[in-house]
Amino acid sequence: MRAKYQNVLDLGEELAIKNGDVKEENGKLHISGTAKNQYEKNLLWDEIKKSGGENPADLVADIKVEDTSVFANHTVKSGDTLGKIAKQYYGNASKYTEIFKANGNILKNPDVIHPGQELVIPNL
């Protein structure tokens, strides 16, 4: 059973899920832990669905979110634009204005961002 969901367990380690726990009981894999934000929780659920389908009968997951005030945090990389970042998190580049507004304390122009800046990706 663990092997079927190894990709989920690996992602949990990569994301540094807090208080992560995995055990097998009554033919089901039980996983729990706390993700930093909703985006990371969504990434875990996407991996679960890849392995077990939309409603896996052999897995019970209890994944909490540490910080519900933001959707995600993003460290700007070379080549990033607010539009590209919005597309990554929201699936819609035109939502860049929401990211710009949420980061008004560090961004003065939506066309100027720098590698290394830590941006808040707000819940919409």
Protein backbone atom coordinates (compact mmCIF):
# COMPACT_ATOMS: atom_id res chain seq x y z
CA MET A 1 0.00 0.00 0.00
CA ARG A 2 2.81 2.41 0.88
CA ALA A 3 4.38 1.81 -2.52
CA LYS A 4 1.19 2.92 -4.30
CA TYR A 5 1.30 6.28 -2.53
CA GLN A 6 5.09 6.70 -2.31
CA ASN A 7 4.90 9.77 -4.58
CA VAL A 8 2.60 11.43 -2.01
CA LEU A 9 4.95 10.57 0.85
CA ASP A 10 7.94 11.87 -1.11
CA LEU A 11 6.13 15.14 -1.86
CA GLY A 12 5.23 15.47 1.82
CA GLU A 13 8.92 15.24 2.71
CA GLU A 14 9.86 17.69 -0.05
CA LEU A 15 7.29 20.21 1.23
CA ALA A 16 8.43 19.65 4.84
CA ILE A 17 4.94 18.79 6.05
CA LYS A 18 4.82 19.31 9.81
CA ASN A 19 3.78 16.53 12.19
CA GLY A 20 3.59 14.11 9.28
CA ASP A 21 2.40 10.64 10.19
CA VAL A 22 1.82 7.55 8.04
CA LYS A 23 0.39 4.24 9.22
CA GLU A 24 -1.46 1.27 7.82
CA GLU A 25 -4.64 0.12 9.57
CA ASN A 26 -7.37 -2.24 8.41
CA GLY A 27 -6.15 -2.28 4.83
CA LYS A 28 -6.02 1.51 4.56
CA LEU A 29 -3.13 3.93 4.56
CA HIS A 30 -3.67 6.79 7.01
CA ILE A 31 -1.65 9.95 6.43
CA SER A 32 -1.80 13.19 8.34
CA GLY A 33 0.16 16.38 8.75
CA THR A 34 0.10 20.14 8.36
CA ALA A 35 0.95 21.94 5.12
CA LYS A 36 2.29 25.51 5.18
CA ASN A 37 -0.57 26.83 3.04
CA GLN A 38 -3.55 25.82 0.90
CA TYR A 39 -1.47 25.57 -2.28
CA GLU A 40 0.78 22.90 -0.73
CA LYS A 41 -2.26 21.02 0.56
CA ASN A 42 -3.70 21.10 -2.98
CA LEU A 43 -0.41 19.74 -4.37
CA LEU A 44 -0.65 16.79 -1.96
CA TRP A 45 -4.27 16.08 -2.92
CA ASP A 46 -3.33 16.22 -6.62
CA GLU A 47 -0.69 13.53 -5.97
CA ILE A 48 -3.18 11.44 -3.99
CA LYS A 49 -5.64 11.58 -6.89
CA LYS A 50 -2.92 10.60 -9.39
CA SER A 51 -2.28 7.40 -7.44
CA GLY A 52 -5.69 6.54 -6.03
CA GLY A 53 -8.24 8.30 -8.20
CA GLU A 54 -10.75 10.99 -7.21
CA ASN A 55 -12.02 9.15 -4.14
CA PRO A 56 -9.44 6.58 -3.01
CA ALA A 57 -11.01 3.85 -0.85
CA ASP A 58 -7.64 2.65 0.44
CA LEU A 59 -6.42 5.96 1.88
CA VAL A 60 -7.53 8.27 4.68
CA ALA A 61 -5.86 11.69 4.64
CA ASP A 62 -6.09 14.42 7.25
CA ILE A 63 -4.07 17.35 5.95
CA LYS A 64 -4.38 20.62 7.81
CA VAL A 65 -3.18 24.08 6.74
CA GLU A 66 -0.87 26.07 9.01
CA ASP A 67 -1.52 29.53 7.51
CA THR A 68 -4.99 30.03 6.08
CA SER A 69 -4.46 33.78 5.58
CA VAL A 70 -2.60 33.19 2.28
CA PHE A 71 -2.98 30.77 -0.60
CA ALA A 72 0.78 30.39 -1.13
CA ASN A 73 4.18 32.03 -0.84
CA HIS A 74 6.40 32.41 -3.89
CA THR A 75 10.09 33.23 -4.19
CA VAL A 76 10.64 35.16 -7.42
CA LYS A 77 12.98 33.45 -9.87
CA SER A 78 14.76 34.89 -12.89
CA GLY A 79 12.28 35.18 -15.75
CA ASP A 80 9.22 35.39 -13.50
CA THR A 81 6.54 37.99 -14.11
CA LEU A 82 3.45 38.60 -12.02
CA GLY A 83 1.41 37.25 -14.93
CA LYS A 84 3.39 33.99 -15.02
CA ILE A 85 3.09 33.65 -11.25
CA ALA A 86 -0.68 34.29 -11.41
CA LYS A 87 -1.00 31.66 -14.16
CA GLN A 88 0.90 29.14 -12.02
CA TYR A 89 -1.24 29.57 -8.91
CA TYR A 90 -4.61 30.65 -10.29
CA GLY A 91 -4.55 29.36 -13.85
CA ASN A 92 -5.20 32.92 -15.05
CA ALA A 93 -2.43 35.43 -15.82
CA SER A 94 -4.79 38.41 -15.54
CA LYS A 95 -5.07 37.79 -11.77
CA TYR A 96 -1.59 39.34 -11.44
CA THR A 97 -3.24 42.49 -10.06
CA GLU A 98 -4.33 40.54 -6.96
CA ILE A 99 -0.74 39.48 -6.31
CA PHE A 100 0.45 43.05 -6.88
CA LYS A 101 -2.09 44.43 -4.38
CA ALA A 102 -1.23 41.82 -1.76
CA ASN A 103 2.45 42.77 -1.99
CA GLY A 104 2.14 46.55 -2.01
CA ASN A 105 4.61 46.72 0.86
CA ILE A 106 7.45 45.52 -1.43
CA LEU A 107 6.21 46.11 -4.99
CA LYS A 108 5.80 49.60 -6.43
CA ASN A 109 5.30 48.65 -10.09
CA PRO A 110 3.64 45.43 -11.34
CA ASP A 111 6.17 45.24 -14.16
CA VAL A 112 9.19 45.26 -11.83
CA ILE A 113 9.93 42.25 -9.66
CA HIS A 114 13.32 40.88 -8.66
CA PRO A 115 14.68 37.37 -8.10
CA GLY A 116 14.70 36.50 -4.42
CA GLN A 117 11.66 38.59 -3.47
CA GLU A 118 9.19 36.67 -1.30
CA LEU A 119 5.64 37.26 -2.54
CA VAL A 120 2.37 36.45 -0.82
CA ILE A 121 -0.15 34.77 -3.13
CA PRO A 122 -3.52 35.74 -1.65
CA ASN A 123 -6.62 33.60 -1.35
CA LEU A 124 -9.15 34.64 -3.96
